[in-house]
Amino acid sequence: MDELITLIDEEGVEHQFAVEAFLDLDDEKYAVLLPMSDEYDTDEAVIMRFGVDENGDEVLYDIESDEEWEKVADAYDEISADENLFEN
């Protein structure tokens, strides 16, 4: 968790997140992020999808579909469980 990402919200406020993981799932790329400030529930990760904006720059988008969010969260949980097996 060494990498940090700064996201800017709709009001122009910057928020810093630690990168927990990057996932490739169903031809999409996702980032699992942990908030670095107290304004978020620090126990809950934020999952965002990579995309390309109108300028061709790679950006992160909110996942608006509950089904898509659950699919990515389940994949992350599975990877985390597998990693925990190797740590013990």
PDB file of N, CA and C in Angstrom:
ATOM      1  N   MET A   1       0.835  -1.182   0.000  1.00  0.00           N
ATOM      2  CA  MET A   1       0.000   0.000   0.000  1.00  0.00           C
ATOM      3  C   MET A   1       0.882   1.249   0.000  1.00  0.00           C
ATOM      4  N   ASP A   2       1.847   1.304  -0.863  1.00  0.00           N
ATOM      5  CA  ASP A   2       2.769   2.424  -0.917  1.00  0.00           C
ATOM      6  C   ASP A   2       2.293   3.531  -1.847  1.00  0.00           C
ATOM      7  N   GLU A   3       1.431   3.207  -2.784  1.00  0.00           N
ATOM      8  CA  GLU A   3       1.022   4.179  -3.794  1.00  0.00           C
ATOM      9  C   GLU A   3      -0.181   4.986  -3.312  1.00  0.00           C
ATOM     10  N   LEU A   4      -0.147   6.295  -3.579  1.00  0.00           N
ATOM     11  CA  LEU A   4      -1.254   7.177  -3.215  1.00  0.00           C
ATOM     12  C   LEU A   4      -1.851   7.780  -4.479  1.00  0.00           C
ATOM     13  N   ILE A   5      -3.160   7.994  -4.431  1.00  0.00           N
ATOM     14  CA  ILE A   5      -3.880   8.642  -5.525  1.00  0.00           C
ATOM     15  C   ILE A   5      -4.653   9.805  -4.930  1.00  0.00           C
ATOM     16  N   THR A   6      -4.607  10.937  -5.599  1.00  0.00           N
ATOM     17  CA  THR A   6      -5.401  12.089  -5.194  1.00  0.00           C
ATOM     18  C   THR A   6      -6.545  12.243  -6.187  1.00  0.00           C
ATOM     19  N   LEU A   7      -7.765  12.248  -5.658  1.00  0.00           N
ATOM     20  CA  LEU A   7      -8.956  12.439  -6.481  1.00  0.00           C
ATOM     21  C   LEU A   7      -9.551  13.798  -6.164  1.00  0.00           C
ATOM     22  N   ILE A   8     -10.094  14.446  -7.172  1.00  0.00           N
ATOM     23  CA  ILE A   8     -10.723  15.750  -6.997  1.00  0.00           C
ATOM     24  C   ILE A   8     -12.220  15.578  -7.210  1.00  0.00           C
ATOM     25  N   ASP A   9     -13.007  15.987  -6.210  1.00  0.00           N
ATOM     26  CA  ASP A   9     -14.454  15.817  -6.317  1.00  0.00           C
ATOM     27  C   ASP A   9     -15.082  16.943  -7.147  1.00  0.00           C
ATOM     28  N   GLU A  10     -16.416  16.908  -7.250  1.00  0.00           N
ATOM     29  CA  GLU A  10     -17.144  17.861  -8.075  1.00  0.00           C
ATOM     30  C   GLU A  10     -16.954  19.310  -7.623  1.00  0.00           C
ATOM     31  N   GLU A  11     -16.639  19.517  -6.335  1.00  0.00           N
ATOM     32  CA  GLU A  11     -16.444  20.863  -5.807  1.00  0.00           C
ATOM     33  C   GLU A  11     -14.989  21.313  -5.857  1.00  0.00           C
ATOM     34  N   GLY A  12     -14.117  20.480  -6.446  1.00  0.00           N
ATOM     35  CA  GLY A  12     -12.709  20.832  -6.569  1.00  0.00           C
ATOM     36  C   GLY A  12     -11.873  20.521  -5.339  1.00  0.00           C
ATOM     37  N   VAL A  13     -12.448  19.782  -4.400  1.00  0.00           N
ATOM     38  CA  VAL A  13     -11.731  19.421  -3.174  1.00  0.00           C
ATOM     39  C   VAL A  13     -10.926  18.147  -3.421  1.00  0.00           C
ATOM     40  N   GLU A  14      -9.654  18.156  -3.020  1.00  0.00           N
ATOM     41  CA  GLU A  14      -8.792  16.994  -3.199  1.00  0.00           C
ATOM     42  C   GLU A  14      -8.954  16.020  -2.030  1.00  0.00           C
ATOM     43  N   HIS A  15      -8.945  14.736  -2.366  1.00  0.00           N
ATOM     44  CA  HIS A  15      -9.032  13.666  -1.371  1.00  0.00           C
ATOM     45  C   HIS A  15      -7.935  12.653  -1.700  1.00  0.00           C
ATOM     46  N   GLN A  16      -7.199  12.240  -0.676  1.00  0.00           N
ATOM     47  CA  GLN A  16      -6.092  11.323  -0.905  1.00  0.00           C
ATOM     48  C   GLN A  16      -6.485   9.909  -0.477  1.00  0.00           C
ATOM     49  N   PHE A  17      -6.093   8.942  -1.309  1.00  0.00           N
ATOM     50  CA  PHE A  17      -6.395   7.538  -1.075  1.00  0.00           C
ATOM     51  C   PHE A  17      -5.129   6.705  -1.235  1.00  0.00           C
ATOM     52  N   ALA A  18      -5.024   5.667  -0.415  1.00  0.00           N
ATOM     53  CA  ALA A  18      -3.964   4.678  -0.584  1.00  0.00           C
ATOM     54  C   ALA A  18      -4.489   3.596  -1.512  1.00  0.00           C
ATOM     55  N   VAL A  19      -3.652   3.159  -2.438  1.00  0.00           N
ATOM     56  CA  VAL A  19      -4.047   2.098  -3.362  1.00  0.00           C
ATOM     57  C   VAL A  19      -3.878   0.758  -2.657  1.00  0.00           C
ATOM     58  N   GLU A  20      -4.983   0.076  -2.463  1.00  0.00           N
ATOM     59  CA  GLU A  20      -4.959  -1.253  -1.844  1.00  0.00           C
ATOM     60  C   GLU A  20      -4.691  -2.321  -2.901  1.00  0.00           C
ATOM     61  N   ALA A  21      -5.311  -2.152  -4.086  1.00  0.00           N
ATOM     62  CA  ALA A  21      -5.133  -3.157  -5.145  1.00  0.00           C
ATOM     63  C   ALA A  21      -5.639  -2.615  -6.471  1.00  0.00           C
ATOM     64  N   PHE A  22      -5.112  -3.189  -7.544  1.00  0.00           N
ATOM     65  CA  PHE A  22      -5.638  -2.993  -8.886  1.00  0.00           C
ATOM     66  C   PHE A  22      -6.170  -4.348  -9.337  1.00  0.00           C
ATOM     67  N   LEU A  23      -7.327  -4.351  -9.964  1.00  0.00           N
ATOM     68  CA  LEU A  23      -7.946  -5.597 -10.419  1.00  0.00           C
ATOM     69  C   LEU A  23      -8.300  -5.502 -11.895  1.00  0.00           C
ATOM     70  N   ASP A  24      -8.096  -6.590 -12.614  1.00  0.00           N
ATOM     71  CA  ASP A  24      -8.584  -6.737 -13.985  1.00  0.00           C
ATOM     72  C   ASP A  24      -9.702  -7.759 -13.928  1.00  0.00           C
ATOM     73  N   LEU A  25     -10.883  -7.345 -14.384  1.00  0.00           N
ATOM     74  CA  LEU A  25     -12.047  -8.213 -14.286  1.00  0.00           C
ATOM     75  C   LEU A  25     -12.984  -7.928 -15.455  1.00  0.00           C
ATOM     76  N   ASP A  26     -13.295  -8.953 -16.232  1.00  0.00           N
ATOM     77  CA  ASP A  26     -14.229  -8.824 -17.361  1.00  0.00           C
ATOM     78  C   ASP A  26     -13.853  -7.676 -18.293  1.00  0.00           C
ATOM     79  N   ASP A  27     -12.584  -7.635 -18.700  1.00  0.00           N
ATOM     80  CA  ASP A  27     -12.078  -6.629 -19.637  1.00  0.00           C
ATOM     81  C   ASP A  27     -12.143  -5.198 -19.108  1.00  0.00           C
ATOM     82  N   GLU A  28     -12.266  -5.034 -17.808  1.00  0.00           N
ATOM     83  CA  GLU A  28     -12.253  -3.714 -17.172  1.00  0.00           C
ATOM     84  C   GLU A  28     -11.147  -3.701 -16.119  1.00  0.00           C
ATOM     85  N   LYS A  29     -10.621  -2.501 -15.826  1.00  0.00           N
ATOM     86  CA  LYS A  29      -9.631  -2.321 -14.775  1.00  0.00           C
ATOM     87  C   LYS A  29     -10.277  -1.548 -13.627  1.00  0.00           C
ATOM     88  N   TYR A  30      -9.959  -1.970 -12.397  1.00  0.00           N
ATOM     89  CA  TYR A  30     -10.527  -1.338 -11.215  1.00  0.00           C
ATOM     90  C   TYR A  30      -9.417  -1.017 -10.218  1.00  0.00           C
ATOM     91  N   ALA A  31      -9.678  -0.021  -9.384  1.00  0.00           N
ATOM     92  CA  ALA A  31      -8.777   0.321  -8.289  1.00  0.00           C
ATOM     93  C   ALA A  31      -9.553   0.196  -6.987  1.00  0.00           C
ATOM     94  N   VAL A  32      -8.944  -0.477  -6.007  1.00  0.00           N
ATOM     95  CA  VAL A  32      -9.497  -0.562  -4.663  1.00  0.00           C
ATOM     96  C   VAL A  32      -8.689   0.430  -3.835  1.00  0.00           C
ATOM     97  N   LEU A  33      -9.368   1.436  -3.295  1.00  0.00           N
ATOM     98  CA  LEU A  33      -8.709   2.543  -2.622  1.00  0.00           C
ATOM     99  C   LEU A  33      -9.159   2.650  -1.171  1.00  0.00           C
ATOM    100  N   LEU A  34      -8.223   3.018  -0.302  1.00  0.00           N
ATOM    101  CA  LEU A  34      -8.547   3.255   1.105  1.00  0.00           C
ATOM    102  C   LEU A  34      -8.387   4.737   1.400  1.00  0.00           C
ATOM    103  N   PRO A  35      -9.440   5.382   1.941  1.00  0.00           N
ATOM    104  CA  PRO A  35      -9.360   6.813   2.235  1.00  0.00           C
ATOM    105  C   PRO A  35      -8.289   7.102   3.276  1.00  0.00           C
ATOM    106  N   MET A  36      -7.586   8.224   3.090  1.00  0.00           N
ATOM    107  CA  MET A  36      -6.529   8.614   4.014  1.00  0.00           C
ATOM    108  C   MET A  36      -6.996   9.679   5.012  1.00  0.00           C
ATOM    109  N   SER A  37      -8.268  10.085   4.944  1.00  0.00           N
ATOM    110  CA  SER A  37      -8.759  11.107   5.868  1.00  0.00           C
ATOM    111  C   SER A  37      -9.917  10.555   6.683  1.00  0.00           C
ATOM    112  N   ASP A  38     -10.270  11.275   7.735  1.00  0.00           N
ATOM    113  CA  ASP A  38     -11.328  10.841   8.645  1.00  0.00           C
ATOM    114  C   ASP A  38     -12.731  11.096   8.117  1.00  0.00           C
ATOM    115  N   GLU A  39     -12.855  11.809   6.988  1.00  0.00           N
ATOM    116  CA  GLU A  39     -14.187  12.117   6.486  1.00  0.00           C
ATOM    117  C   GLU A  39     -14.883  10.889   5.898  1.00  0.00           C
ATOM    118  N   TYR A  40     -14.119   9.824   5.653  1.00  0.00           N
ATOM    119  CA  TYR A  40     -14.674   8.574   5.151  1.00  0.00           C
ATOM    120  C   TYR A  40     -14.583   7.520   6.237  1.00  0.00           C
ATOM    121  N   ASP A  41     -15.425   6.510   6.145  1.00  0.00           N
ATOM    122  CA  ASP A  41     -15.328   5.360   7.027  1.00  0.00           C
ATOM    123  C   ASP A  41     -14.079   4.592   6.617  1.00  0.00           C
ATOM    124  N   THR A  42     -13.028   4.644   7.417  1.00  0.00           N
ATOM    125  CA  THR A  42     -11.738   4.083   7.020  1.00  0.00           C
ATOM    126  C   THR A  42     -11.744   2.562   6.947  1.00  0.00           C
ATOM    127  N   ASP A  43     -12.801   1.914   7.441  1.00  0.00           N
ATOM    128  CA  ASP A  43     -12.881   0.457   7.345  1.00  0.00           C
ATOM    129  C   ASP A  43     -13.396   0.000   5.984  1.00  0.00           C
ATOM    130  N   GLU A  44     -13.932   0.913   5.204  1.00  0.00           N
ATOM    131  CA  GLU A  44     -14.546   0.526   3.939  1.00  0.00           C
ATOM    132  C   GLU A  44     -13.744   1.071   2.763  1.00  0.00           C
ATOM    133  N   ALA A  45     -13.401   0.194   1.857  1.00  0.00           N
ATOM    134  CA  ALA A  45     -12.654   0.576   0.662  1.00  0.00           C
ATOM    135  C   ALA A  45     -13.578   1.236  -0.345  1.00  0.00           C
ATOM    136  N   VAL A  46     -12.988   2.051  -1.194  1.00  0.00           N
ATOM    137  CA  VAL A  46     -13.692   2.673  -2.313  1.00  0.00           C
ATOM    138  C   VAL A  46     -13.221   1.949  -3.570  1.00  0.00           C
ATOM    139  N   ILE A  47     -14.166   1.511  -4.394  1.00  0.00           N
ATOM    140  CA  ILE A  47     -13.820   0.816  -5.638  1.00  0.00           C
ATOM    141  C   ILE A  47     -14.217   1.710  -6.799  1.00  0.00           C
ATOM    142  N   MET A  48     -13.262   1.921  -7.712  1.00  0.00           N
ATOM    143  CA  MET A  48     -13.518   2.760  -8.877  1.00  0.00           C
ATOM    144  C   MET A  48     -13.042   2.044 -10.138  1.00  0.00           C
ATOM    145  N   ARG A  49     -13.691   2.369 -11.262  1.00  0.00           N
ATOM    146  CA  ARG A  49     -13.359   1.761 -12.546  1.00  0.00           C
ATOM    147  C   ARG A  49     -12.498   2.721 -13.356  1.00  0.00           C
ATOM    148  N   PHE A  50     -11.456   2.185 -13.998  1.00  0.00           N
ATOM    149  CA  PHE A  50     -10.632   2.978 -14.904  1.00  0.00           C
ATOM    150  C   PHE A  50     -11.386   3.183 -16.206  1.00  0.00           C
ATOM    151  N   GLY A  51     -11.211   4.343 -16.775  1.00  0.00           N
ATOM    152  CA  GLY A  51     -11.780   4.653 -18.074  1.00  0.00           C
ATOM    153  C   GLY A  51     -10.918   5.698 -18.755  1.00  0.00           C
ATOM    154  N   VAL A  52     -11.319   6.096 -19.936  1.00  0.00           N
ATOM    155  CA  VAL A  52     -10.600   7.113 -20.702  1.00  0.00           C
ATOM    156  C   VAL A  52     -11.560   8.269 -20.944  1.00  0.00           C
ATOM    157  N   ASP A  53     -11.099   9.504 -20.644  1.00  0.00           N
ATOM    158  CA  ASP A  53     -11.948  10.668 -20.861  1.00  0.00           C
ATOM    159  C   ASP A  53     -11.864  11.156 -22.304  1.00  0.00           C
ATOM    160  N   GLU A  54     -12.551  12.258 -22.595  1.00  0.00           N
ATOM    161  CA  GLU A  54     -12.617  12.782 -23.963  1.00  0.00           C
ATOM    162  C   GLU A  54     -11.267  13.245 -24.498  1.00  0.00           C
ATOM    163  N   ASN A  55     -10.292  13.461 -23.599  1.00  0.00           N
ATOM    164  CA  ASN A  55      -8.938  13.865 -24.013  1.00  0.00           C
ATOM    165  C   ASN A  55      -7.997  12.681 -24.170  1.00  0.00           C
ATOM    166  N   GLY A  56      -8.511  11.466 -23.917  1.00  0.00           N
ATOM    167  CA  GLY A  56      -7.677  10.277 -24.022  1.00  0.00           C
ATOM    168  C   GLY A  56      -6.888   9.972 -22.765  1.00  0.00           C
ATOM    169  N   ASP A  57      -7.167  10.717 -21.678  1.00  0.00           N
ATOM    170  CA  ASP A  57      -6.469  10.489 -20.404  1.00  0.00           C
ATOM    171  C   ASP A  57      -7.187   9.421 -19.594  1.00  0.00           C
ATOM    172  N   GLU A  58      -6.396   8.602 -18.900  1.00  0.00           N
ATOM    173  CA  GLU A  58      -6.977   7.574 -18.039  1.00  0.00           C
ATOM    174  C   GLU A  58      -7.489   8.237 -16.764  1.00  0.00           C
ATOM    175  N   VAL A  59      -8.742   7.955 -16.416  1.00  0.00           N
ATOM    176  CA  VAL A  59      -9.380   8.537 -15.238  1.00  0.00           C
ATOM    177  C   VAL A  59     -10.113   7.437 -14.473  1.00  0.00           C
ATOM    178  N   LEU A  60     -10.480   7.735 -13.237  1.00  0.00           N
ATOM    179  CA  LEU A  60     -11.255   6.810 -12.415  1.00  0.00           C
ATOM    180  C   LEU A  60     -12.700   7.283 -12.347  1.00  0.00           C
ATOM    181  N   TYR A  61     -13.629   6.337 -12.495  1.00  0.00           N
ATOM    182  CA  TYR A  61     -15.052   6.639 -12.456  1.00  0.00           C
ATOM    183  C   TYR A  61     -15.712   5.880 -11.316  1.00  0.00           C
ATOM    184  N   ASP A  62     -16.734   6.506 -10.714  1.00  0.00           N
ATOM    185  CA  ASP A  62     -17.551   5.818  -9.719  1.00  0.00           C
ATOM    186  C   ASP A  62     -18.267   4.652 -10.391  1.00  0.00           C
ATOM    187  N   ILE A  63     -18.462   3.599  -9.637  1.00  0.00           N
ATOM    188  CA  ILE A  63     -19.267   2.469 -10.114  1.00  0.00           C
ATOM    189  C   ILE A  63     -20.698   2.732  -9.658  1.00  0.00           C
ATOM    190  N   GLU A  64     -21.597   2.871 -10.591  1.00  0.00           N
ATOM    191  CA  GLU A  64     -22.969   3.225 -10.258  1.00  0.00           C
ATOM    192  C   GLU A  64     -23.894   2.017 -10.161  1.00  0.00           C
ATOM    193  N   SER A  65     -23.481   0.895 -10.708  1.00  0.00           N
ATOM    194  CA  SER A  65     -24.285  -0.320 -10.684  1.00  0.00           C
ATOM    195  C   SER A  65     -23.947  -1.145  -9.445  1.00  0.00           C
ATOM    196  N   ASP A  66     -24.959  -1.470  -8.652  1.00  0.00           N
ATOM    197  CA  ASP A  66     -24.742  -2.318  -7.476  1.00  0.00           C
ATOM    198  C   ASP A  66     -24.194  -3.679  -7.877  1.00  0.00           C
ATOM    199  N   GLU A  67     -24.670  -4.189  -9.003  1.00  0.00           N
ATOM    200  CA  GLU A  67     -24.228  -5.502  -9.489  1.00  0.00           C
ATOM    201  C   GLU A  67     -22.736  -5.481  -9.826  1.00  0.00           C
ATOM    202  N   GLU A  68     -22.297  -4.433 -10.530  1.00  0.00           N
ATOM    203  CA  GLU A  68     -20.884  -4.323 -10.881  1.00  0.00           C
ATOM    204  C   GLU A  68     -20.032  -4.161  -9.626  1.00  0.00           C
ATOM    205  N   TRP A  69     -20.487  -3.327  -8.684  1.00  0.00           N
ATOM    206  CA  TRP A  69     -19.740  -3.098  -7.446  1.00  0.00           C
ATOM    207  C   TRP A  69     -19.576  -4.405  -6.673  1.00  0.00           C
ATOM    208  N   GLU A  70     -20.661  -5.168  -6.555  1.00  0.00           N
ATOM    209  CA  GLU A  70     -20.616  -6.448  -5.833  1.00  0.00           C
ATOM    210  C   GLU A  70     -19.667  -7.434  -6.507  1.00  0.00           C
ATOM    211  N   LYS A  71     -19.677  -7.462  -7.838  1.00  0.00           N
ATOM    212  CA  LYS A  71     -18.805  -8.369  -8.585  1.00  0.00           C
ATOM    213  C   LYS A  71     -17.340  -8.057  -8.291  1.00  0.00           C
ATOM    214  N   VAL A  72     -16.981  -6.777  -8.307  1.00  0.00           N
ATOM    215  CA  VAL A  72     -15.600  -6.380  -8.047  1.00  0.00           C
ATOM    216  C   VAL A  72     -15.245  -6.607  -6.582  1.00  0.00           C
ATOM    217  N   ALA A  73     -16.149  -6.278  -5.676  1.00  0.00           N
ATOM    218  CA  ALA A  73     -15.897  -6.482  -4.247  1.00  0.00           C
ATOM    219  C   ALA A  73     -15.695  -7.968  -3.946  1.00  0.00           C
ATOM    220  N   ASP A  74     -16.491  -8.830  -4.553  1.00  0.00           N
ATOM    221  CA  ASP A  74     -16.335 -10.276  -4.353  1.00  0.00           C
ATOM    222  C   ASP A  74     -14.990 -10.761  -4.882  1.00  0.00           C
ATOM    223  N   ALA A  75     -14.578 -10.253  -6.046  1.00  0.00           N
ATOM    224  CA  ALA A  75     -13.276 -10.640  -6.611  1.00  0.00           C
ATOM    225  C   ALA A  75     -12.146 -10.181  -5.703  1.00  0.00           C
ATOM    226  N   TYR A  76     -12.249  -8.976  -5.161  1.00  0.00           N
ATOM    227  CA  TYR A  76     -11.224  -8.466  -4.245  1.00  0.00           C
ATOM    228  C   TYR A  76     -11.186  -9.296  -2.962  1.00  0.00           C
ATOM    229  N   ASP A  77     -12.355  -9.630  -2.420  1.00  0.00           N
ATOM    230  CA  ASP A  77     -12.410 -10.463  -1.206  1.00  0.00           C
ATOM    231  C   ASP A  77     -11.751 -11.815  -1.448  1.00  0.00           C
ATOM    232  N   GLU A  78     -11.975 -12.394  -2.618  1.00  0.00           N
ATOM    233  CA  GLU A  78     -11.388 -13.690  -2.949  1.00  0.00           C
ATOM    234  C   GLU A  78      -9.863 -13.591  -3.026  1.00  0.00           C
ATOM    235  N   ILE A  79      -9.373 -12.531  -3.674  1.00  0.00           N
ATOM    236  CA  ILE A  79      -7.922 -12.332  -3.768  1.00  0.00           C
ATOM    237  C   ILE A  79      -7.325 -12.110  -2.382  1.00  0.00           C
ATOM    238  N   SER A  80      -7.996 -11.321  -1.566  1.00  0.00           N
ATOM    239  CA  SER A  80      -7.513 -11.046  -0.204  1.00  0.00           C
ATOM    240  C   SER A  80      -7.463 -12.320   0.628  1.00  0.00           C
ATOM    241  N   ALA A  81      -8.473 -13.156   0.490  1.00  0.00           N
ATOM    242  CA  ALA A  81      -8.503 -14.424   1.222  1.00  0.00           C
ATOM    243  C   ALA A  81      -7.352 -15.331   0.783  1.00  0.00           C
ATOM    244  N   ASP A  82      -7.091 -15.363  -0.529  1.00  0.00           N
ATOM    245  CA  ASP A  82      -5.984 -16.174  -1.049  1.00  0.00           C
ATOM    246  C   ASP A  82      -4.647 -15.675  -0.515  1.00  0.00           C
ATOM    247  N   GLU A  83      -4.463 -14.354  -0.466  1.00  0.00           N
ATOM    248  CA  GLU A  83      -3.218 -13.786   0.041  1.00  0.00           C
ATOM    249  C   GLU A  83      -3.022 -14.105   1.519  1.00  0.00           C
ATOM    250  N   ASN A  84      -4.122 -14.087   2.284  1.00  0.00           N
ATOM    251  CA  ASN A  84      -4.047 -14.397   3.712  1.00  0.00           C
ATOM    252  C   ASN A  84      -3.629 -15.849   3.947  1.00  0.00           C
ATOM    253  N   LEU A  85      -3.999 -16.746   3.046  1.00  0.00           N
ATOM    254  CA  LEU A  85      -3.596 -18.138   3.183  1.00  0.00           C
ATOM    255  C   LEU A  85      -2.091 -18.277   3.093  1.00  0.00           C
ATOM    256  N   PHE A  86      -1.459 -17.492   2.219  1.00  0.00           N
ATOM    257  CA  PHE A  86      -0.016 -17.567   2.030  1.00  0.00           C
ATOM    258  C   PHE A  86       0.763 -16.893   3.155  1.00  0.00           C
ATOM    259  N   GLU A  87       0.129 -15.965   3.885  1.00  0.00           N
ATOM    260  CA  GLU A  87       0.807 -15.258   4.965  1.00  0.00           C
ATOM    261  C   GLU A  87       0.916 -16.108   6.214  1.00  0.00           C
ATOM    262  N   ASN A  88       0.031 -17.066   6.399  1.00  0.00           N
ATOM    263  CA  ASN A  88       0.034 -17.877   7.636  1.00  0.00           C
ATOM    264  C   ASN A  88       0.987 -19.038   7.547  1.00  0.00           C
TER     265      ASN A  88
END
